[in-house]
N, C-alpha and C. Protein backbone atom coordinates (compact mmCIF):
# COMPACT_ATOMS: atom_id res chain seq x y z
N UNK A 1 101.47 173.55 29.97
CA UNK A 1 102.77 173.29 30.37
C UNK A 1 103.24 173.99 31.48
N UNK A 2 102.54 175.08 31.74
CA UNK A 2 103.04 175.96 32.90
C UNK A 2 102.21 175.68 34.19
N UNK A 3 101.33 174.69 34.15
CA UNK A 3 100.69 174.27 35.34
C UNK A 3 99.48 175.09 35.60
N UNK A 4 98.95 175.93 34.72
CA UNK A 4 97.76 176.69 35.06
C UNK A 4 96.53 175.83 34.86
N UNK A 5 95.53 175.96 35.74
CA UNK A 5 94.31 175.15 35.46
C UNK A 5 92.98 175.91 35.84
N UNK A 6 93.17 177.11 36.46
CA UNK A 6 91.91 177.81 36.75
C UNK A 6 91.75 179.13 35.78
N UNK A 7 90.35 179.45 35.65
CA UNK A 7 90.21 180.70 34.65
C UNK A 7 91.02 181.83 35.25
N UNK A 8 90.97 182.18 36.47
CA UNK A 8 91.69 183.32 37.00
C UNK A 8 93.20 183.21 36.64
N UNK A 9 93.69 182.11 36.70
CA UNK A 9 95.22 181.91 36.42
C UNK A 9 95.37 182.20 34.93
N UNK A 10 94.67 181.66 34.07
CA UNK A 10 94.69 181.98 32.75
C UNK A 10 94.59 183.40 32.34
N UNK A 11 93.55 184.14 33.05
CA UNK A 11 93.34 185.42 32.87
C UNK A 11 94.49 186.34 33.09
N UNK A 12 95.11 186.03 34.38
CA UNK A 12 96.22 186.79 34.76
C UNK A 12 97.37 186.50 33.92
N UNK A 13 97.77 185.37 33.58
CA UNK A 13 98.70 184.99 32.83
C UNK A 13 98.76 185.50 31.29
N UNK A 14 97.57 185.36 30.71
CA UNK A 14 97.40 185.72 29.32
C UNK A 14 97.16 187.13 29.11
N UNK A 15 96.47 187.79 30.00
CA UNK A 15 96.11 189.16 29.77
C UNK A 15 95.21 189.49 28.53
N UNK A 16 94.32 188.53 28.32
CA UNK A 16 93.42 188.77 27.22
C UNK A 16 91.99 189.13 27.82
N UNK A 17 91.09 189.61 26.96
CA UNK A 17 89.94 190.06 27.40
C UNK A 17 88.96 188.85 27.89
N UNK A 18 88.13 189.01 28.96
CA UNK A 18 87.49 187.86 29.50
C UNK A 18 86.59 187.18 28.51
N UNK A 19 85.90 187.91 27.59
CA UNK A 19 85.09 187.21 26.65
C UNK A 19 85.90 186.35 25.71
N UNK A 20 86.97 186.77 25.28
CA UNK A 20 87.96 186.12 24.42
C UNK A 20 88.44 184.84 25.16
N UNK A 21 88.89 184.97 26.37
CA UNK A 21 89.42 183.86 27.10
C UNK A 21 88.25 182.73 27.32
N UNK A 22 87.07 183.29 27.66
CA UNK A 22 85.95 182.25 27.90
C UNK A 22 85.59 181.62 26.56
N UNK A 23 85.62 182.25 25.42
CA UNK A 23 85.37 181.65 24.17
C UNK A 23 86.34 180.70 23.76
N UNK A 24 87.68 180.88 24.13
CA UNK A 24 88.81 180.02 23.81
C UNK A 24 88.74 178.78 24.62
N UNK A 25 88.45 179.00 25.93
CA UNK A 25 88.50 177.76 26.87
C UNK A 25 87.24 177.00 26.53
N UNK A 26 86.09 177.54 26.10
CA UNK A 26 84.91 176.76 25.77
C UNK A 26 85.28 175.96 24.30
N UNK A 27 86.01 176.69 23.54
CA UNK A 27 86.25 175.79 22.40
C UNK A 27 87.24 174.67 22.53
N UNK A 28 88.16 174.94 23.47
CA UNK A 28 89.14 173.99 23.83
C UNK A 28 88.48 172.60 24.49
N UNK A 29 87.35 172.97 25.33
CA UNK A 29 86.50 172.01 26.02
C UNK A 29 85.77 171.22 24.99
N UNK A 30 85.10 171.97 24.16
CA UNK A 30 84.21 171.38 23.17
C UNK A 30 85.00 170.55 22.19
N UNK A 31 86.28 170.89 21.96
CA UNK A 31 87.15 170.10 20.98
C UNK A 31 87.75 168.85 21.66
N UNK A 32 87.55 168.74 22.99
CA UNK A 32 88.14 167.64 23.72
C UNK A 32 89.52 167.85 24.11
N UNK A 33 90.04 168.95 24.08
CA UNK A 33 91.48 169.27 24.49
C UNK A 33 91.46 169.34 26.10
N UNK A 34 90.50 170.24 26.52
CA UNK A 34 90.46 170.35 28.06
C UNK A 34 89.06 169.64 28.53
N UNK A 35 89.13 169.33 29.79
CA UNK A 35 88.01 168.96 30.54
C UNK A 35 87.63 170.01 31.60
N UNK A 36 86.44 170.50 31.71
CA UNK A 36 86.16 171.47 32.67
C UNK A 36 85.56 170.64 33.86
N UNK A 37 86.18 170.81 35.08
CA UNK A 37 85.95 170.07 36.18
C UNK A 37 85.49 171.10 37.35
N UNK A 38 84.34 170.80 38.03
CA UNK A 38 83.82 171.41 39.17
C UNK A 38 84.71 171.09 40.34
N UNK A 39 85.22 172.14 41.00
CA UNK A 39 86.00 171.96 42.20
C UNK A 39 85.56 172.70 43.35
N UNK A 40 84.54 173.64 43.21
CA UNK A 40 84.06 174.58 44.28
C UNK A 40 82.69 174.06 44.64
N UNK A 41 82.25 174.79 45.75
CA UNK A 41 80.91 174.39 46.31
C UNK A 41 79.76 175.17 45.34
N UNK A 42 78.81 174.41 44.86
CA UNK A 42 77.73 174.95 44.16
C UNK A 42 78.14 175.46 42.72
N UNK A 43 79.20 174.81 42.16
CA UNK A 43 79.59 175.07 40.88
C UNK A 43 80.29 176.46 40.76
N UNK A 44 80.77 176.97 41.86
CA UNK A 44 81.39 178.30 41.71
C UNK A 44 82.84 178.21 41.30
N UNK A 45 83.45 177.06 41.39
CA UNK A 45 84.92 176.98 40.89
C UNK A 45 85.10 175.94 39.99
N UNK A 46 85.85 176.09 38.89
CA UNK A 46 86.12 175.10 37.99
C UNK A 46 87.69 174.95 37.58
N UNK A 47 88.29 174.00 37.30
CA UNK A 47 89.50 173.82 36.83
C UNK A 47 89.58 173.23 35.46
N UNK A 48 90.41 173.57 34.70
CA UNK A 48 90.53 172.95 33.34
C UNK A 48 91.78 172.04 33.37
N UNK A 49 91.50 170.74 32.95
CA UNK A 49 92.57 169.64 32.95
C UNK A 49 92.53 169.12 31.46
N UNK A 50 93.90 168.92 31.07
CA UNK A 50 94.06 168.29 29.85
C UNK A 50 93.53 166.92 29.65
N UNK A 51 92.81 166.56 28.59
CA UNK A 51 92.35 165.35 28.34
C UNK A 51 93.49 164.55 27.76
N UNK A 52 93.17 163.35 27.56
CA UNK A 52 94.20 162.41 26.85
C UNK A 52 94.52 162.98 25.44
N UNK A 53 93.50 163.47 24.77
CA UNK A 53 93.69 164.00 23.47
C UNK A 53 94.53 165.41 23.70
N UNK A 54 94.40 166.16 24.67
CA UNK A 54 95.18 167.24 24.90
C UNK A 54 96.57 166.96 25.26
N UNK A 55 96.79 165.93 25.98
CA UNK A 55 98.13 165.49 26.31
C UNK A 55 98.93 164.96 25.09
N UNK A 56 98.17 164.39 24.14
CA UNK A 56 98.76 163.93 22.94
C UNK A 56 99.25 165.14 21.99
N UNK A 57 98.88 166.48 22.36
CA UNK A 57 99.54 167.65 21.68
C UNK A 57 100.93 167.98 22.18
N UNK A 58 101.26 167.39 23.20
CA UNK A 58 102.50 167.67 23.90
C UNK A 58 103.79 167.81 22.99
N UNK A 59 103.96 166.85 22.01
CA UNK A 59 105.26 167.13 21.21
C UNK A 59 105.06 168.43 20.27
N UNK A 60 103.80 168.52 19.82
CA UNK A 60 103.62 169.70 18.94
C UNK A 60 103.76 171.12 19.68
N UNK A 61 103.33 171.09 21.05
CA UNK A 61 103.46 172.30 21.85
C UNK A 61 104.90 172.58 22.20
N UNK A 62 105.75 171.55 22.37
CA UNK A 62 107.20 171.67 22.64
C UNK A 62 107.77 172.13 21.38
N UNK A 63 107.38 171.70 20.16
CA UNK A 63 107.97 172.18 18.97
C UNK A 63 107.70 173.70 18.68
N UNK A 64 106.52 173.97 18.94
CA UNK A 64 106.10 175.49 18.86
C UNK A 64 106.89 176.34 19.90
N UNK A 65 106.97 175.84 21.11
CA UNK A 65 107.88 176.56 22.12
C UNK A 65 109.12 176.80 21.67
N UNK A 66 109.87 175.73 21.13
CA UNK A 66 111.26 175.84 20.77
C UNK A 66 111.43 176.57 19.55
N UNK A 67 110.33 176.58 18.60
CA UNK A 67 110.32 177.55 17.45
C UNK A 67 110.31 179.00 17.91
N UNK A 68 109.42 179.28 18.86
CA UNK A 68 109.37 180.57 19.56
C UNK A 68 110.74 181.05 20.11
N UNK A 69 111.37 180.23 20.75
CA UNK A 69 112.58 180.50 21.43
C UNK A 69 113.56 180.87 20.47
N UNK A 70 113.50 180.47 19.13
CA UNK A 70 114.45 180.70 18.18
C UNK A 70 114.13 182.15 17.35
N UNK A 71 112.71 182.13 16.96
CA UNK A 71 112.38 183.22 16.08
C UNK A 71 111.58 184.34 16.64
N UNK A 72 110.93 184.22 17.82
CA UNK A 72 110.17 185.35 18.42
C UNK A 72 111.11 186.31 19.25
N UNK A 73 111.06 187.68 19.02
CA UNK A 73 111.76 188.48 19.72
C UNK A 73 111.69 188.19 21.22
N UNK A 74 112.70 188.35 22.05
CA UNK A 74 112.89 187.97 23.41
C UNK A 74 111.71 188.52 24.29
N UNK A 75 111.46 189.85 24.05
CA UNK A 75 110.43 190.49 24.97
C UNK A 75 109.03 189.86 24.79
N UNK A 76 108.86 189.10 23.75
CA UNK A 76 107.47 188.48 23.33
C UNK A 76 107.49 187.02 23.67
N UNK A 77 108.59 186.36 24.08
CA UNK A 77 108.65 185.05 24.28
C UNK A 77 107.94 184.64 25.65
N UNK A 78 107.68 183.27 25.72
CA UNK A 78 107.09 182.82 27.02
C UNK A 78 108.04 183.10 28.16
N UNK A 79 107.36 183.49 29.25
CA UNK A 79 108.02 183.74 30.54
C UNK A 79 108.60 182.53 31.18
N UNK A 80 108.53 181.37 30.88
CA UNK A 80 109.04 180.13 31.28
C UNK A 80 109.88 179.40 30.42
N UNK A 81 110.87 178.59 31.09
CA UNK A 81 111.60 177.61 30.34
C UNK A 81 111.22 176.15 30.70
N UNK A 82 111.39 175.25 29.67
CA UNK A 82 110.99 173.80 29.97
C UNK A 82 112.07 173.05 30.06
N UNK A 83 112.03 172.10 31.03
CA UNK A 83 113.23 171.27 31.41
C UNK A 83 112.60 169.81 31.66
N UNK A 84 113.49 168.81 31.48
CA UNK A 84 113.18 167.44 31.85
C UNK A 84 113.05 167.32 33.36
N UNK A 85 112.07 167.00 33.89
CA UNK A 85 111.84 167.00 35.44
C UNK A 85 112.81 166.06 36.12
N UNK A 86 113.43 165.06 35.51
CA UNK A 86 114.44 164.06 36.05
C UNK A 86 115.84 164.59 36.07
N UNK A 87 116.11 165.06 34.89
CA UNK A 87 117.55 165.55 34.74
C UNK A 87 117.79 166.97 35.07
N UNK A 88 116.61 167.88 34.98
CA UNK A 88 116.59 169.22 35.03
C UNK A 88 117.47 169.86 33.96
N UNK A 89 117.56 169.15 32.85
CA UNK A 89 118.18 169.58 31.62
C UNK A 89 117.22 170.22 30.66
N UNK A 90 117.61 171.23 29.76
CA UNK A 90 116.57 171.44 28.73
C UNK A 90 116.15 170.35 27.92
N UNK A 91 114.86 170.43 27.32
CA UNK A 91 114.39 169.35 26.54
C UNK A 91 115.03 169.48 25.09
N UNK A 92 115.38 168.29 24.71
CA UNK A 92 116.13 168.19 23.39
C UNK A 92 115.11 168.73 22.25
N UNK A 93 115.82 169.26 21.20
CA UNK A 93 115.03 169.77 20.11
C UNK A 93 114.12 168.84 19.45
N UNK A 94 112.92 169.17 19.21
CA UNK A 94 112.03 168.14 18.57
C UNK A 94 112.41 167.98 17.18
N UNK A 95 112.56 166.78 16.67
CA UNK A 95 112.90 166.42 15.28
C UNK A 95 111.88 165.40 14.65
N UNK A 96 111.90 165.35 13.48
CA UNK A 96 111.11 164.44 12.78
C UNK A 96 112.06 163.41 12.09
N UNK A 97 111.90 162.08 12.17
CA UNK A 97 112.66 161.12 11.67
C UNK A 97 112.01 160.11 10.79
N UNK A 98 112.83 159.62 9.80
CA UNK A 98 112.24 158.44 8.97
C UNK A 98 112.16 157.13 9.83
N UNK A 99 111.82 156.10 9.07
CA UNK A 99 111.65 154.80 9.78
C UNK A 99 112.96 154.21 10.23
N UNK A 100 114.16 154.85 9.67
CA UNK A 100 115.43 154.30 10.12
C UNK A 100 116.05 155.31 11.01
N UNK A 101 115.40 156.22 11.50
CA UNK A 101 115.84 157.24 12.57
C UNK A 101 116.80 158.39 11.81
N UNK A 102 116.69 158.48 10.58
CA UNK A 102 117.46 159.53 9.94
C UNK A 102 116.55 160.77 10.11
N UNK A 103 117.26 161.80 10.42
CA UNK A 103 116.36 163.07 10.69
C UNK A 103 115.91 163.62 9.36
N UNK A 104 114.70 164.05 9.25
CA UNK A 104 114.14 164.54 8.00
C UNK A 104 114.07 166.06 8.10
N UNK A 105 114.05 166.70 6.95
CA UNK A 105 113.99 168.25 6.86
C UNK A 105 112.62 168.34 6.02
N UNK A 106 112.34 169.70 6.00
CA UNK A 106 111.11 170.01 5.23
C UNK A 106 111.06 169.55 3.78
N UNK A 107 112.20 169.61 3.18
CA UNK A 107 112.33 169.30 1.73
C UNK A 107 112.33 167.66 1.45
N UNK A 108 112.48 166.96 2.60
CA UNK A 108 112.49 165.64 2.59
C UNK A 108 111.13 164.97 2.64
N UNK A 109 110.02 165.76 2.66
CA UNK A 109 108.71 165.30 3.00
C UNK A 109 107.95 165.30 1.61
N UNK A 110 107.13 164.34 1.47
CA UNK A 110 106.37 164.26 0.29
C UNK A 110 104.87 164.13 0.73
N UNK A 111 104.03 164.88 0.37
CA UNK A 111 102.60 164.85 0.92
C UNK A 111 101.70 164.33 -0.27
N UNK A 112 101.09 163.03 -0.12
CA UNK A 112 100.24 162.43 -1.26
C UNK A 112 98.80 162.27 -0.65
N UNK A 113 97.70 162.36 -1.52
CA UNK A 113 96.48 162.10 -1.14
C UNK A 113 96.24 160.76 -0.62
N UNK A 114 95.31 160.65 0.27
CA UNK A 114 95.11 159.31 0.99
C UNK A 114 94.39 158.40 -0.08
């Protein structure tokens, strides 16, 4: 969501060890979340792009981001804010609704075996 696509950008932004970053990116590619695309001469440069499957994670990622804005100490929060690109307003809080659009809370959910 922050627009990063190259290994070096992820490395600089995340500050994790190279082997950990490489393993995580490889897992995201093998899971079908990212696609690794060659953009340099002779395979020297790659970019990571979200697949359709990865883009479907958008609502969950927004929910996690919003949770962190509420519960994570400010010094450990994301360094960016997310906005609707058309209105430039903050994105509404992600909610779960029933079929009649009534908001549901944790205690309203029943989990049954398939």
